[in-house]
Amino acid sequence: YAEAFSHTAALYLTPEKAGESLCSR
């Protein structure tokens, strides 16, 4: 999913390894 902020958006990505939480860009 993606979340909006003032002038940017955060992308939440699937974990890179099993057992980890979502990572963001």
PDBML (XML) file of the C-alpha atoms, coordinates in Angstrom:
<?xml version="1.0" encoding="UTF-8" ?>
<PDBx:datablock datablockName="MODEL"
   xmlns:PDBx="http://pdbml.pdb.org/schema/pdbx-v50.xsd"
   xmlns:xsi="http://www.w3.org/2001/XMLSchema-instance"
   xsi:schemaLocation="http://pdbml.pdb.org/schema/pdbx-v50.xsd pdbx-v50.xsd">
   <PDBx:atom_siteCategory>
      <PDBx:atom_site id="1">
         <PDBx:B_iso_or_equiv>0.00</PDBx:B_iso_or_equiv>
         <PDBx:Cartn_x>0.000</PDBx:Cartn_x>
         <PDBx:Cartn_y>0.000</PDBx:Cartn_y>
         <PDBx:Cartn_z>0.000</PDBx:Cartn_z>
         <PDBx:auth_asym_id>A</PDBx:auth_asym_id>
         <PDBx:auth_atom_id>CA</PDBx:auth_atom_id>
         <PDBx:auth_comp_id>TYR</PDBx:auth_comp_id>
         <PDBx:auth_seq_id>1</PDBx:auth_seq_id>
         <PDBx:group_PDB>ATOM</PDBx:group_PDB>
         <PDBx:label_alt_id xsi:nil="true" />
         <PDBx:label_asym_id>A</PDBx:label_asym_id>
         <PDBx:label_atom_id>CA</PDBx:label_atom_id>
         <PDBx:label_comp_id>TYR</PDBx:label_comp_id>
         <PDBx:label_entity_id>1</PDBx:label_entity_id>
         <PDBx:label_seq_id>1</PDBx:label_seq_id>
         <PDBx:occupancy>1.00</PDBx:occupancy>
         <PDBx:pdbx_PDB_model_num>1</PDBx:pdbx_PDB_model_num>
         <PDBx:type_symbol>C</PDBx:type_symbol>
      </PDBx:atom_site>
      <PDBx:atom_site id="2">
         <PDBx:B_iso_or_equiv>0.00</PDBx:B_iso_or_equiv>
         <PDBx:Cartn_x>0.967</PDBx:Cartn_x>
         <PDBx:Cartn_y>3.664</PDBx:Cartn_y>
         <PDBx:Cartn_z>-0.219</PDBx:Cartn_z>
         <PDBx:auth_asym_id>A</PDBx:auth_asym_id>
         <PDBx:auth_atom_id>CA</PDBx:auth_atom_id>
         <PDBx:auth_comp_id>ALA</PDBx:auth_comp_id>
         <PDBx:auth_seq_id>2</PDBx:auth_seq_id>
         <PDBx:group_PDB>ATOM</PDBx:group_PDB>
         <PDBx:label_alt_id xsi:nil="true" />
         <PDBx:label_asym_id>A</PDBx:label_asym_id>
         <PDBx:label_atom_id>CA</PDBx:label_atom_id>
         <PDBx:label_comp_id>ALA</PDBx:label_comp_id>
         <PDBx:label_entity_id>1</PDBx:label_entity_id>
         <PDBx:label_seq_id>2</PDBx:label_seq_id>
         <PDBx:occupancy>1.00</PDBx:occupancy>
         <PDBx:pdbx_PDB_model_num>1</PDBx:pdbx_PDB_model_num>
         <PDBx:type_symbol>C</PDBx:type_symbol>
      </PDBx:atom_site>
      <PDBx:atom_site id="3">
         <PDBx:B_iso_or_equiv>0.00</PDBx:B_iso_or_equiv>
         <PDBx:Cartn_x>0.298</PDBx:Cartn_x>
         <PDBx:Cartn_y>6.549</PDBx:Cartn_y>
         <PDBx:Cartn_z>2.165</PDBx:Cartn_z>
         <PDBx:auth_asym_id>A</PDBx:auth_asym_id>
         <PDBx:auth_atom_id>CA</PDBx:auth_atom_id>
         <PDBx:auth_comp_id>GLU</PDBx:auth_comp_id>
         <PDBx:auth_seq_id>3</PDBx:auth_seq_id>
         <PDBx:group_PDB>ATOM</PDBx:group_PDB>
         <PDBx:label_alt_id xsi:nil="true" />
         <PDBx:label_asym_id>A</PDBx:label_asym_id>
         <PDBx:label_atom_id>CA</PDBx:label_atom_id>
         <PDBx:label_comp_id>GLU</PDBx:label_comp_id>
         <PDBx:label_entity_id>1</PDBx:label_entity_id>
         <PDBx:label_seq_id>3</PDBx:label_seq_id>
         <PDBx:occupancy>1.00</PDBx:occupancy>
         <PDBx:pdbx_PDB_model_num>1</PDBx:pdbx_PDB_model_num>
         <PDBx:type_symbol>C</PDBx:type_symbol>
      </PDBx:atom_site>
      <PDBx:atom_site id="4">
         <PDBx:B_iso_or_equiv>0.00</PDBx:B_iso_or_equiv>
         <PDBx:Cartn_x>0.213</PDBx:Cartn_x>
         <PDBx:Cartn_y>10.249</PDBx:Cartn_y>
         <PDBx:Cartn_z>1.291</PDBx:Cartn_z>
         <PDBx:auth_asym_id>A</PDBx:auth_asym_id>
         <PDBx:auth_atom_id>CA</PDBx:auth_atom_id>
         <PDBx:auth_comp_id>ALA</PDBx:auth_comp_id>
         <PDBx:auth_seq_id>4</PDBx:auth_seq_id>
         <PDBx:group_PDB>ATOM</PDBx:group_PDB>
         <PDBx:label_alt_id xsi:nil="true" />
         <PDBx:label_asym_id>A</PDBx:label_asym_id>
         <PDBx:label_atom_id>CA</PDBx:label_atom_id>
         <PDBx:label_comp_id>ALA</PDBx:label_comp_id>
         <PDBx:label_entity_id>1</PDBx:label_entity_id>
         <PDBx:label_seq_id>4</PDBx:label_seq_id>
         <PDBx:occupancy>1.00</PDBx:occupancy>
         <PDBx:pdbx_PDB_model_num>1</PDBx:pdbx_PDB_model_num>
         <PDBx:type_symbol>C</PDBx:type_symbol>
      </PDBx:atom_site>
      <PDBx:atom_site id="5">
         <PDBx:B_iso_or_equiv>0.00</PDBx:B_iso_or_equiv>
         <PDBx:Cartn_x>2.060</PDBx:Cartn_x>
         <PDBx:Cartn_y>12.950</PDBx:Cartn_y>
         <PDBx:Cartn_z>3.207</PDBx:Cartn_z>
         <PDBx:auth_asym_id>A</PDBx:auth_asym_id>
         <PDBx:auth_atom_id>CA</PDBx:auth_atom_id>
         <PDBx:auth_comp_id>PHE</PDBx:auth_comp_id>
         <PDBx:auth_seq_id>5</PDBx:auth_seq_id>
         <PDBx:group_PDB>ATOM</PDBx:group_PDB>
         <PDBx:label_alt_id xsi:nil="true" />
         <PDBx:label_asym_id>A</PDBx:label_asym_id>
         <PDBx:label_atom_id>CA</PDBx:label_atom_id>
         <PDBx:label_comp_id>PHE</PDBx:label_comp_id>
         <PDBx:label_entity_id>1</PDBx:label_entity_id>
         <PDBx:label_seq_id>5</PDBx:label_seq_id>
         <PDBx:occupancy>1.00</PDBx:occupancy>
         <PDBx:pdbx_PDB_model_num>1</PDBx:pdbx_PDB_model_num>
         <PDBx:type_symbol>C</PDBx:type_symbol>
      </PDBx:atom_site>
      <PDBx:atom_site id="6">
         <PDBx:B_iso_or_equiv>0.00</PDBx:B_iso_or_equiv>
         <PDBx:Cartn_x>2.332</PDBx:Cartn_x>
         <PDBx:Cartn_y>16.658</PDBx:Cartn_y>
         <PDBx:Cartn_z>2.392</PDBx:Cartn_z>
         <PDBx:auth_asym_id>A</PDBx:auth_asym_id>
         <PDBx:auth_atom_id>CA</PDBx:auth_atom_id>
         <PDBx:auth_comp_id>SER</PDBx:auth_comp_id>
         <PDBx:auth_seq_id>6</PDBx:auth_seq_id>
         <PDBx:group_PDB>ATOM</PDBx:group_PDB>
         <PDBx:label_alt_id xsi:nil="true" />
         <PDBx:label_asym_id>A</PDBx:label_asym_id>
         <PDBx:label_atom_id>CA</PDBx:label_atom_id>
         <PDBx:label_comp_id>SER</PDBx:label_comp_id>
         <PDBx:label_entity_id>1</PDBx:label_entity_id>
         <PDBx:label_seq_id>6</PDBx:label_seq_id>
         <PDBx:occupancy>1.00</PDBx:occupancy>
         <PDBx:pdbx_PDB_model_num>1</PDBx:pdbx_PDB_model_num>
         <PDBx:type_symbol>C</PDBx:type_symbol>
      </PDBx:atom_site>
      <PDBx:atom_site id="7">
         <PDBx:B_iso_or_equiv>0.00</PDBx:B_iso_or_equiv>
         <PDBx:Cartn_x>4.469</PDBx:Cartn_x>
         <PDBx:Cartn_y>16.492</PDBx:Cartn_y>
         <PDBx:Cartn_z>-0.773</PDBx:Cartn_z>
         <PDBx:auth_asym_id>A</PDBx:auth_asym_id>
         <PDBx:auth_atom_id>CA</PDBx:auth_atom_id>
         <PDBx:auth_comp_id>HIS</PDBx:auth_comp_id>
         <PDBx:auth_seq_id>7</PDBx:auth_seq_id>
         <PDBx:group_PDB>ATOM</PDBx:group_PDB>
         <PDBx:label_alt_id xsi:nil="true" />
         <PDBx:label_asym_id>A</PDBx:label_asym_id>
         <PDBx:label_atom_id>CA</PDBx:label_atom_id>
         <PDBx:label_comp_id>HIS</PDBx:label_comp_id>
         <PDBx:label_entity_id>1</PDBx:label_entity_id>
         <PDBx:label_seq_id>7</PDBx:label_seq_id>
         <PDBx:occupancy>1.00</PDBx:occupancy>
         <PDBx:pdbx_PDB_model_num>1</PDBx:pdbx_PDB_model_num>
         <PDBx:type_symbol>C</PDBx:type_symbol>
      </PDBx:atom_site>
      <PDBx:atom_site id="8">
         <PDBx:B_iso_or_equiv>0.00</PDBx:B_iso_or_equiv>
         <PDBx:Cartn_x>5.569</PDBx:Cartn_x>
         <PDBx:Cartn_y>12.852</PDBx:Cartn_y>
         <PDBx:Cartn_z>-0.769</PDBx:Cartn_z>
         <PDBx:auth_asym_id>A</PDBx:auth_asym_id>
         <PDBx:auth_atom_id>CA</PDBx:auth_atom_id>
         <PDBx:auth_comp_id>THR</PDBx:auth_comp_id>
         <PDBx:auth_seq_id>8</PDBx:auth_seq_id>
         <PDBx:group_PDB>ATOM</PDBx:group_PDB>
         <PDBx:label_alt_id xsi:nil="true" />
         <PDBx:label_asym_id>A</PDBx:label_asym_id>
         <PDBx:label_atom_id>CA</PDBx:label_atom_id>
         <PDBx:label_comp_id>THR</PDBx:label_comp_id>
         <PDBx:label_entity_id>1</PDBx:label_entity_id>
         <PDBx:label_seq_id>8</PDBx:label_seq_id>
         <PDBx:occupancy>1.00</PDBx:occupancy>
         <PDBx:pdbx_PDB_model_num>1</PDBx:pdbx_PDB_model_num>
         <PDBx:type_symbol>C</PDBx:type_symbol>
      </PDBx:atom_site>
      <PDBx:atom_site id="9">
         <PDBx:B_iso_or_equiv>0.00</PDBx:B_iso_or_equiv>
         <PDBx:Cartn_x>4.171</PDBx:Cartn_x>
         <PDBx:Cartn_y>9.346</PDBx:Cartn_y>
         <PDBx:Cartn_z>-0.514</PDBx:Cartn_z>
         <PDBx:auth_asym_id>A</PDBx:auth_asym_id>
         <PDBx:auth_atom_id>CA</PDBx:auth_atom_id>
         <PDBx:auth_comp_id>ALA</PDBx:auth_comp_id>
         <PDBx:auth_seq_id>9</PDBx:auth_seq_id>
         <PDBx:group_PDB>ATOM</PDBx:group_PDB>
         <PDBx:label_alt_id xsi:nil="true" />
         <PDBx:label_asym_id>A</PDBx:label_asym_id>
         <PDBx:label_atom_id>CA</PDBx:label_atom_id>
         <PDBx:label_comp_id>ALA</PDBx:label_comp_id>
         <PDBx:label_entity_id>1</PDBx:label_entity_id>
         <PDBx:label_seq_id>9</PDBx:label_seq_id>
         <PDBx:occupancy>1.00</PDBx:occupancy>
         <PDBx:pdbx_PDB_model_num>1</PDBx:pdbx_PDB_model_num>
         <PDBx:type_symbol>C</PDBx:type_symbol>
      </PDBx:atom_site>
      <PDBx:atom_site id="10">
         <PDBx:B_iso_or_equiv>0.00</PDBx:B_iso_or_equiv>
         <PDBx:Cartn_x>5.440</PDBx:Cartn_x>
         <PDBx:Cartn_y>6.393</PDBx:Cartn_y>
         <PDBx:Cartn_z>1.504</PDBx:Cartn_z>
         <PDBx:auth_asym_id>A</PDBx:auth_asym_id>
         <PDBx:auth_atom_id>CA</PDBx:auth_atom_id>
         <PDBx:auth_comp_id>ALA</PDBx:auth_comp_id>
         <PDBx:auth_seq_id>10</PDBx:auth_seq_id>
         <PDBx:group_PDB>ATOM</PDBx:group_PDB>
         <PDBx:label_alt_id xsi:nil="true" />
         <PDBx:label_asym_id>A</PDBx:label_asym_id>
         <PDBx:label_atom_id>CA</PDBx:label_atom_id>
         <PDBx:label_comp_id>ALA</PDBx:label_comp_id>
         <PDBx:label_entity_id>1</PDBx:label_entity_id>
         <PDBx:label_seq_id>10</PDBx:label_seq_id>
         <PDBx:occupancy>1.00</PDBx:occupancy>
         <PDBx:pdbx_PDB_model_num>1</PDBx:pdbx_PDB_model_num>
         <PDBx:type_symbol>C</PDBx:type_symbol>
      </PDBx:atom_site>
      <PDBx:atom_site id="11">
         <PDBx:B_iso_or_equiv>0.00</PDBx:B_iso_or_equiv>
         <PDBx:Cartn_x>5.462</PDBx:Cartn_x>
         <PDBx:Cartn_y>2.993</PDBx:Cartn_y>
         <PDBx:Cartn_z>-0.206</PDBx:Cartn_z>
         <PDBx:auth_asym_id>A</PDBx:auth_asym_id>
         <PDBx:auth_atom_id>CA</PDBx:auth_atom_id>
         <PDBx:auth_comp_id>LEU</PDBx:auth_comp_id>
         <PDBx:auth_seq_id>11</PDBx:auth_seq_id>
         <PDBx:group_PDB>ATOM</PDBx:group_PDB>
         <PDBx:label_alt_id xsi:nil="true" />
         <PDBx:label_asym_id>A</PDBx:label_asym_id>
         <PDBx:label_atom_id>CA</PDBx:label_atom_id>
         <PDBx:label_comp_id>LEU</PDBx:label_comp_id>
         <PDBx:label_entity_id>1</PDBx:label_entity_id>
         <PDBx:label_seq_id>11</PDBx:label_seq_id>
         <PDBx:occupancy>1.00</PDBx:occupancy>
         <PDBx:pdbx_PDB_model_num>1</PDBx:pdbx_PDB_model_num>
         <PDBx:type_symbol>C</PDBx:type_symbol>
      </PDBx:atom_site>
      <PDBx:atom_site id="12">
         <PDBx:B_iso_or_equiv>0.00</PDBx:B_iso_or_equiv>
         <PDBx:Cartn_x>5.140</PDBx:Cartn_x>
         <PDBx:Cartn_y>-0.033</PDBx:Cartn_y>
         <PDBx:Cartn_z>2.059</PDBx:Cartn_z>
         <PDBx:auth_asym_id>A</PDBx:auth_asym_id>
         <PDBx:auth_atom_id>CA</PDBx:auth_atom_id>
         <PDBx:auth_comp_id>TYR</PDBx:auth_comp_id>
         <PDBx:auth_seq_id>12</PDBx:auth_seq_id>
         <PDBx:group_PDB>ATOM</PDBx:group_PDB>
         <PDBx:label_alt_id xsi:nil="true" />
         <PDBx:label_asym_id>A</PDBx:label_asym_id>
         <PDBx:label_atom_id>CA</PDBx:label_atom_id>
         <PDBx:label_comp_id>TYR</PDBx:label_comp_id>
         <PDBx:label_entity_id>1</PDBx:label_entity_id>
         <PDBx:label_seq_id>12</PDBx:label_seq_id>
         <PDBx:occupancy>1.00</PDBx:occupancy>
         <PDBx:pdbx_PDB_model_num>1</PDBx:pdbx_PDB_model_num>
         <PDBx:type_symbol>C</PDBx:type_symbol>
      </PDBx:atom_site>
      <PDBx:atom_site id="13">
         <PDBx:B_iso_or_equiv>0.00</PDBx:B_iso_or_equiv>
         <PDBx:Cartn_x>6.755</PDBx:Cartn_x>
         <PDBx:Cartn_y>-3.103</PDBx:Cartn_y>
         <PDBx:Cartn_z>0.528</PDBx:Cartn_z>
         <PDBx:auth_asym_id>A</PDBx:auth_asym_id>
         <PDBx:auth_atom_id>CA</PDBx:auth_atom_id>
         <PDBx:auth_comp_id>LEU</PDBx:auth_comp_id>
         <PDBx:auth_seq_id>13</PDBx:auth_seq_id>
         <PDBx:group_PDB>ATOM</PDBx:group_PDB>
         <PDBx:label_alt_id xsi:nil="true" />
         <PDBx:label_asym_id>A</PDBx:label_asym_id>
         <PDBx:label_atom_id>CA</PDBx:label_atom_id>
         <PDBx:label_comp_id>LEU</PDBx:label_comp_id>
         <PDBx:label_entity_id>1</PDBx:label_entity_id>
         <PDBx:label_seq_id>13</PDBx:label_seq_id>
         <PDBx:occupancy>1.00</PDBx:occupancy>
         <PDBx:pdbx_PDB_model_num>1</PDBx:pdbx_PDB_model_num>
         <PDBx:type_symbol>C</PDBx:type_symbol>
      </PDBx:atom_site>
      <PDBx:atom_site id="14">
         <PDBx:B_iso_or_equiv>0.00</PDBx:B_iso_or_equiv>
         <PDBx:Cartn_x>6.688</PDBx:Cartn_x>
         <PDBx:Cartn_y>-6.809</PDBx:Cartn_y>
         <PDBx:Cartn_z>1.280</PDBx:Cartn_z>
         <PDBx:auth_asym_id>A</PDBx:auth_asym_id>
         <PDBx:auth_atom_id>CA</PDBx:auth_atom_id>
         <PDBx:auth_comp_id>THR</PDBx:auth_comp_id>
         <PDBx:auth_seq_id>14</PDBx:auth_seq_id>
         <PDBx:group_PDB>ATOM</PDBx:group_PDB>
         <PDBx:label_alt_id xsi:nil="true" />
         <PDBx:label_asym_id>A</PDBx:label_asym_id>
         <PDBx:label_atom_id>CA</PDBx:label_atom_id>
         <PDBx:label_comp_id>THR</PDBx:label_comp_id>
         <PDBx:label_entity_id>1</PDBx:label_entity_id>
         <PDBx:label_seq_id>14</PDBx:label_seq_id>
         <PDBx:occupancy>1.00</PDBx:occupancy>
         <PDBx:pdbx_PDB_model_num>1</PDBx:pdbx_PDB_model_num>
         <PDBx:type_symbol>C</PDBx:type_symbol>
      </PDBx:atom_site>
      <PDBx:atom_site id="15">
         <PDBx:B_iso_or_equiv>0.00</PDBx:B_iso_or_equiv>
         <PDBx:Cartn_x>9.463</PDBx:Cartn_x>
         <PDBx:Cartn_y>-7.875</PDBx:Cartn_y>
         <PDBx:Cartn_z>3.701</PDBx:Cartn_z>
         <PDBx:auth_asym_id>A</PDBx:auth_asym_id>
         <PDBx:auth_atom_id>CA</PDBx:auth_atom_id>
         <PDBx:auth_comp_id>PRO</PDBx:auth_comp_id>
         <PDBx:auth_seq_id>15</PDBx:auth_seq_id>
         <PDBx:group_PDB>ATOM</PDBx:group_PDB>
         <PDBx:label_alt_id xsi:nil="true" />
         <PDBx:label_asym_id>A</PDBx:label_asym_id>
         <PDBx:label_atom_id>CA</PDBx:label_atom_id>
         <PDBx:label_comp_id>PRO</PDBx:label_comp_id>
         <PDBx:label_entity_id>1</PDBx:label_entity_id>
         <PDBx:label_seq_id>15</PDBx:label_seq_id>
         <PDBx:occupancy>1.00</PDBx:occupancy>
         <PDBx:pdbx_PDB_model_num>1</PDBx:pdbx_PDB_model_num>
         <PDBx:type_symbol>C</PDBx:type_symbol>
      </PDBx:atom_site>
      <PDBx:atom_site id="16">
         <PDBx:B_iso_or_equiv>0.00</PDBx:B_iso_or_equiv>
         <PDBx:Cartn_x>12.810</PDBx:Cartn_x>
         <PDBx:Cartn_y>-8.751</PDBx:Cartn_y>
         <PDBx:Cartn_z>2.193</PDBx:Cartn_z>
         <PDBx:auth_asym_id>A</PDBx:auth_asym_id>
         <PDBx:auth_atom_id>CA</PDBx:auth_atom_id>
         <PDBx:auth_comp_id>GLU</PDBx:auth_comp_id>
         <PDBx:auth_seq_id>16</PDBx:auth_seq_id>
         <PDBx:group_PDB>ATOM</PDBx:group_PDB>
         <PDBx:label_alt_id xsi:nil="true" />
         <PDBx:label_asym_id>A</PDBx:label_asym_id>
         <PDBx:label_atom_id>CA</PDBx:label_atom_id>
         <PDBx:label_comp_id>GLU</PDBx:label_comp_id>
         <PDBx:label_entity_id>1</PDBx:label_entity_id>
         <PDBx:label_seq_id>16</PDBx:label_seq_id>
         <PDBx:occupancy>1.00</PDBx:occupancy>
         <PDBx:pdbx_PDB_model_num>1</PDBx:pdbx_PDB_model_num>
         <PDBx:type_symbol>C</PDBx:type_symbol>
      </PDBx:atom_site>
      <PDBx:atom_site id="17">
         <PDBx:B_iso_or_equiv>0.00</PDBx:B_iso_or_equiv>
         <PDBx:Cartn_x>13.139</PDBx:Cartn_x>
         <PDBx:Cartn_y>-11.756</PDBx:Cartn_y>
         <PDBx:Cartn_z>4.524</PDBx:Cartn_z>
         <PDBx:auth_asym_id>A</PDBx:auth_asym_id>
         <PDBx:auth_atom_id>CA</PDBx:auth_atom_id>
         <PDBx:auth_comp_id>LYS</PDBx:auth_comp_id>
         <PDBx:auth_seq_id>17</PDBx:auth_seq_id>
         <PDBx:group_PDB>ATOM</PDBx:group_PDB>
         <PDBx:label_alt_id xsi:nil="true" />
         <PDBx:label_asym_id>A</PDBx:label_asym_id>
         <PDBx:label_atom_id>CA</PDBx:label_atom_id>
         <PDBx:label_comp_id>LYS</PDBx:label_comp_id>
         <PDBx:label_entity_id>1</PDBx:label_entity_id>
         <PDBx:label_seq_id>17</PDBx:label_seq_id>
         <PDBx:occupancy>1.00</PDBx:occupancy>
         <PDBx:pdbx_PDB_model_num>1</PDBx:pdbx_PDB_model_num>
         <PDBx:type_symbol>C</PDBx:type_symbol>
      </PDBx:atom_site>
      <PDBx:atom_site id="18">
         <PDBx:B_iso_or_equiv>0.00</PDBx:B_iso_or_equiv>
         <PDBx:Cartn_x>10.632</PDBx:Cartn_x>
         <PDBx:Cartn_y>-14.098</PDBx:Cartn_y>
         <PDBx:Cartn_z>6.154</PDBx:Cartn_z>
         <PDBx:auth_asym_id>A</PDBx:auth_asym_id>
         <PDBx:auth_atom_id>CA</PDBx:auth_atom_id>
         <PDBx:auth_comp_id>ALA</PDBx:auth_comp_id>
         <PDBx:auth_seq_id>18</PDBx:auth_seq_id>
         <PDBx:group_PDB>ATOM</PDBx:group_PDB>
         <PDBx:label_alt_id xsi:nil="true" />
         <PDBx:label_asym_id>A</PDBx:label_asym_id>
         <PDBx:label_atom_id>CA</PDBx:label_atom_id>
         <PDBx:label_comp_id>ALA</PDBx:label_comp_id>
         <PDBx:label_entity_id>1</PDBx:label_entity_id>
         <PDBx:label_seq_id>18</PDBx:label_seq_id>
         <PDBx:occupancy>1.00</PDBx:occupancy>
         <PDBx:pdbx_PDB_model_num>1</PDBx:pdbx_PDB_model_num>
         <PDBx:type_symbol>C</PDBx:type_symbol>
      </PDBx:atom_site>
      <PDBx:atom_site id="19">
         <PDBx:B_iso_or_equiv>0.00</PDBx:B_iso_or_equiv>
         <PDBx:Cartn_x>9.526</PDBx:Cartn_x>
         <PDBx:Cartn_y>-12.950</PDBx:Cartn_y>
         <PDBx:Cartn_z>9.585</PDBx:Cartn_z>
         <PDBx:auth_asym_id>A</PDBx:auth_asym_id>
         <PDBx:auth_atom_id>CA</PDBx:auth_atom_id>
         <PDBx:auth_comp_id>GLY</PDBx:auth_comp_id>
         <PDBx:auth_seq_id>19</PDBx:auth_seq_id>
         <PDBx:group_PDB>ATOM</PDBx:group_PDB>
         <PDBx:label_alt_id xsi:nil="true" />
         <PDBx:label_asym_id>A</PDBx:label_asym_id>
         <PDBx:label_atom_id>CA</PDBx:label_atom_id>
         <PDBx:label_comp_id>GLY</PDBx:label_comp_id>
         <PDBx:label_entity_id>1</PDBx:label_entity_id>
         <PDBx:label_seq_id>19</PDBx:label_seq_id>
         <PDBx:occupancy>1.00</PDBx:occupancy>
         <PDBx:pdbx_PDB_model_num>1</PDBx:pdbx_PDB_model_num>
         <PDBx:type_symbol>C</PDBx:type_symbol>
      </PDBx:atom_site>
      <PDBx:atom_site id="20">
         <PDBx:B_iso_or_equiv>0.00</PDBx:B_iso_or_equiv>
         <PDBx:Cartn_x>10.359</PDBx:Cartn_x>
         <PDBx:Cartn_y>-9.304</PDBx:Cartn_y>
         <PDBx:Cartn_z>9.014</PDBx:Cartn_z>
         <PDBx:auth_asym_id>A</PDBx:auth_asym_id>
         <PDBx:auth_atom_id>CA</PDBx:auth_atom_id>
         <PDBx:auth_comp_id>GLU</PDBx:auth_comp_id>
         <PDBx:auth_seq_id>20</PDBx:auth_seq_id>
         <PDBx:group_PDB>ATOM</PDBx:group_PDB>
         <PDBx:label_alt_id xsi:nil="true" />
         <PDBx:label_asym_id>A</PDBx:label_asym_id>
         <PDBx:label_atom_id>CA</PDBx:label_atom_id>
         <PDBx:label_comp_id>GLU</PDBx:label_comp_id>
         <PDBx:label_entity_id>1</PDBx:label_entity_id>
         <PDBx:label_seq_id>20</PDBx:label_seq_id>
         <PDBx:occupancy>1.00</PDBx:occupancy>
         <PDBx:pdbx_PDB_model_num>1</PDBx:pdbx_PDB_model_num>
         <PDBx:type_symbol>C</PDBx:type_symbol>
      </PDBx:atom_site>
      <PDBx:atom_site id="21">
         <PDBx:B_iso_or_equiv>0.00</PDBx:B_iso_or_equiv>
         <PDBx:Cartn_x>7.829</PDBx:Cartn_x>
         <PDBx:Cartn_y>-6.465</PDBx:Cartn_y>
         <PDBx:Cartn_z>8.903</PDBx:Cartn_z>
         <PDBx:auth_asym_id>A</PDBx:auth_asym_id>
         <PDBx:auth_atom_id>CA</PDBx:auth_atom_id>
         <PDBx:auth_comp_id>SER</PDBx:auth_comp_id>
         <PDBx:auth_seq_id>21</PDBx:auth_seq_id>
         <PDBx:group_PDB>ATOM</PDBx:group_PDB>
         <PDBx:label_alt_id xsi:nil="true" />
         <PDBx:label_asym_id>A</PDBx:label_asym_id>
         <PDBx:label_atom_id>CA</PDBx:label_atom_id>
         <PDBx:label_comp_id>SER</PDBx:label_comp_id>
         <PDBx:label_entity_id>1</PDBx:label_entity_id>
         <PDBx:label_seq_id>21</PDBx:label_seq_id>
         <PDBx:occupancy>1.00</PDBx:occupancy>
         <PDBx:pdbx_PDB_model_num>1</PDBx:pdbx_PDB_model_num>
         <PDBx:type_symbol>C</PDBx:type_symbol>
      </PDBx:atom_site>
      <PDBx:atom_site id="22">
         <PDBx:B_iso_or_equiv>0.00</PDBx:B_iso_or_equiv>
         <PDBx:Cartn_x>6.953</PDBx:Cartn_x>
         <PDBx:Cartn_y>-4.268</PDBx:Cartn_y>
         <PDBx:Cartn_z>5.941</PDBx:Cartn_z>
         <PDBx:auth_asym_id>A</PDBx:auth_asym_id>
         <PDBx:auth_atom_id>CA</PDBx:auth_atom_id>
         <PDBx:auth_comp_id>LEU</PDBx:auth_comp_id>
         <PDBx:auth_seq_id>22</PDBx:auth_seq_id>
         <PDBx:group_PDB>ATOM</PDBx:group_PDB>
         <PDBx:label_alt_id xsi:nil="true" />
         <PDBx:label_asym_id>A</PDBx:label_asym_id>
         <PDBx:label_atom_id>CA</PDBx:label_atom_id>
         <PDBx:label_comp_id>LEU</PDBx:label_comp_id>
         <PDBx:label_entity_id>1</PDBx:label_entity_id>
         <PDBx:label_seq_id>22</PDBx:label_seq_id>
         <PDBx:occupancy>1.00</PDBx:occupancy>
         <PDBx:pdbx_PDB_model_num>1</PDBx:pdbx_PDB_model_num>
         <PDBx:type_symbol>C</PDBx:type_symbol>
      </PDBx:atom_site>
      <PDBx:atom_site id="23">
         <PDBx:B_iso_or_equiv>0.00</PDBx:B_iso_or_equiv>
         <PDBx:Cartn_x>9.739</PDBx:Cartn_x>
         <PDBx:Cartn_y>-2.008</PDBx:Cartn_y>
         <PDBx:Cartn_z>4.741</PDBx:Cartn_z>
         <PDBx:auth_asym_id>A</PDBx:auth_asym_id>
         <PDBx:auth_atom_id>CA</PDBx:auth_atom_id>
         <PDBx:auth_comp_id>CYS</PDBx:auth_comp_id>
         <PDBx:auth_seq_id>23</PDBx:auth_seq_id>
         <PDBx:group_PDB>ATOM</PDBx:group_PDB>
         <PDBx:label_alt_id xsi:nil="true" />
         <PDBx:label_asym_id>A</PDBx:label_asym_id>
         <PDBx:label_atom_id>CA</PDBx:label_atom_id>
         <PDBx:label_comp_id>CYS</PDBx:label_comp_id>
         <PDBx:label_entity_id>1</PDBx:label_entity_id>
         <PDBx:label_seq_id>23</PDBx:label_seq_id>
         <PDBx:occupancy>1.00</PDBx:occupancy>
         <PDBx:pdbx_PDB_model_num>1</PDBx:pdbx_PDB_model_num>
         <PDBx:type_symbol>C</PDBx:type_symbol>
      </PDBx:atom_site>
      <PDBx:atom_site id="24">
         <PDBx:B_iso_or_equiv>0.00</PDBx:B_iso_or_equiv>
         <PDBx:Cartn_x>9.121</PDBx:Cartn_x>
         <PDBx:Cartn_y>1.489</PDBx:Cartn_y>
         <PDBx:Cartn_z>3.396</PDBx:Cartn_z>
         <PDBx:auth_asym_id>A</PDBx:auth_asym_id>
         <PDBx:auth_atom_id>CA</PDBx:auth_atom_id>
         <PDBx:auth_comp_id>SER</PDBx:auth_comp_id>
         <PDBx:auth_seq_id>24</PDBx:auth_seq_id>
         <PDBx:group_PDB>ATOM</PDBx:group_PDB>
         <PDBx:label_alt_id xsi:nil="true" />
         <PDBx:label_asym_id>A</PDBx:label_asym_id>
         <PDBx:label_atom_id>CA</PDBx:label_atom_id>
         <PDBx:label_comp_id>SER</PDBx:label_comp_id>
         <PDBx:label_entity_id>1</PDBx:label_entity_id>
         <PDBx:label_seq_id>24</PDBx:label_seq_id>
         <PDBx:occupancy>1.00</PDBx:occupancy>
         <PDBx:pdbx_PDB_model_num>1</PDBx:pdbx_PDB_model_num>
         <PDBx:type_symbol>C</PDBx:type_symbol>
      </PDBx:atom_site>
      <PDBx:atom_site id="25">
         <PDBx:B_iso_or_equiv>0.00</PDBx:B_iso_or_equiv>
         <PDBx:Cartn_x>10.440</PDBx:Cartn_x>
         <PDBx:Cartn_y>3.797</PDBx:Cartn_y>
         <PDBx:Cartn_z>0.687</PDBx:Cartn_z>
         <PDBx:auth_asym_id>A</PDBx:auth_asym_id>
         <PDBx:auth_atom_id>CA</PDBx:auth_atom_id>
         <PDBx:auth_comp_id>ARG</PDBx:auth_comp_id>
         <PDBx:auth_seq_id>25</PDBx:auth_seq_id>
         <PDBx:group_PDB>ATOM</PDBx:group_PDB>
         <PDBx:label_alt_id xsi:nil="true" />
         <PDBx:label_asym_id>A</PDBx:label_asym_id>
         <PDBx:label_atom_id>CA</PDBx:label_atom_id>
         <PDBx:label_comp_id>ARG</PDBx:label_comp_id>
         <PDBx:label_entity_id>1</PDBx:label_entity_id>
         <PDBx:label_seq_id>25</PDBx:label_seq_id>
         <PDBx:occupancy>1.00</PDBx:occupancy>
         <PDBx:pdbx_PDB_model_num>1</PDBx:pdbx_PDB_model_num>
         <PDBx:type_symbol>C</PDBx:type_symbol>
      </PDBx:atom_site>
   </PDBx:atom_siteCategory>
</PDBx:datablock>
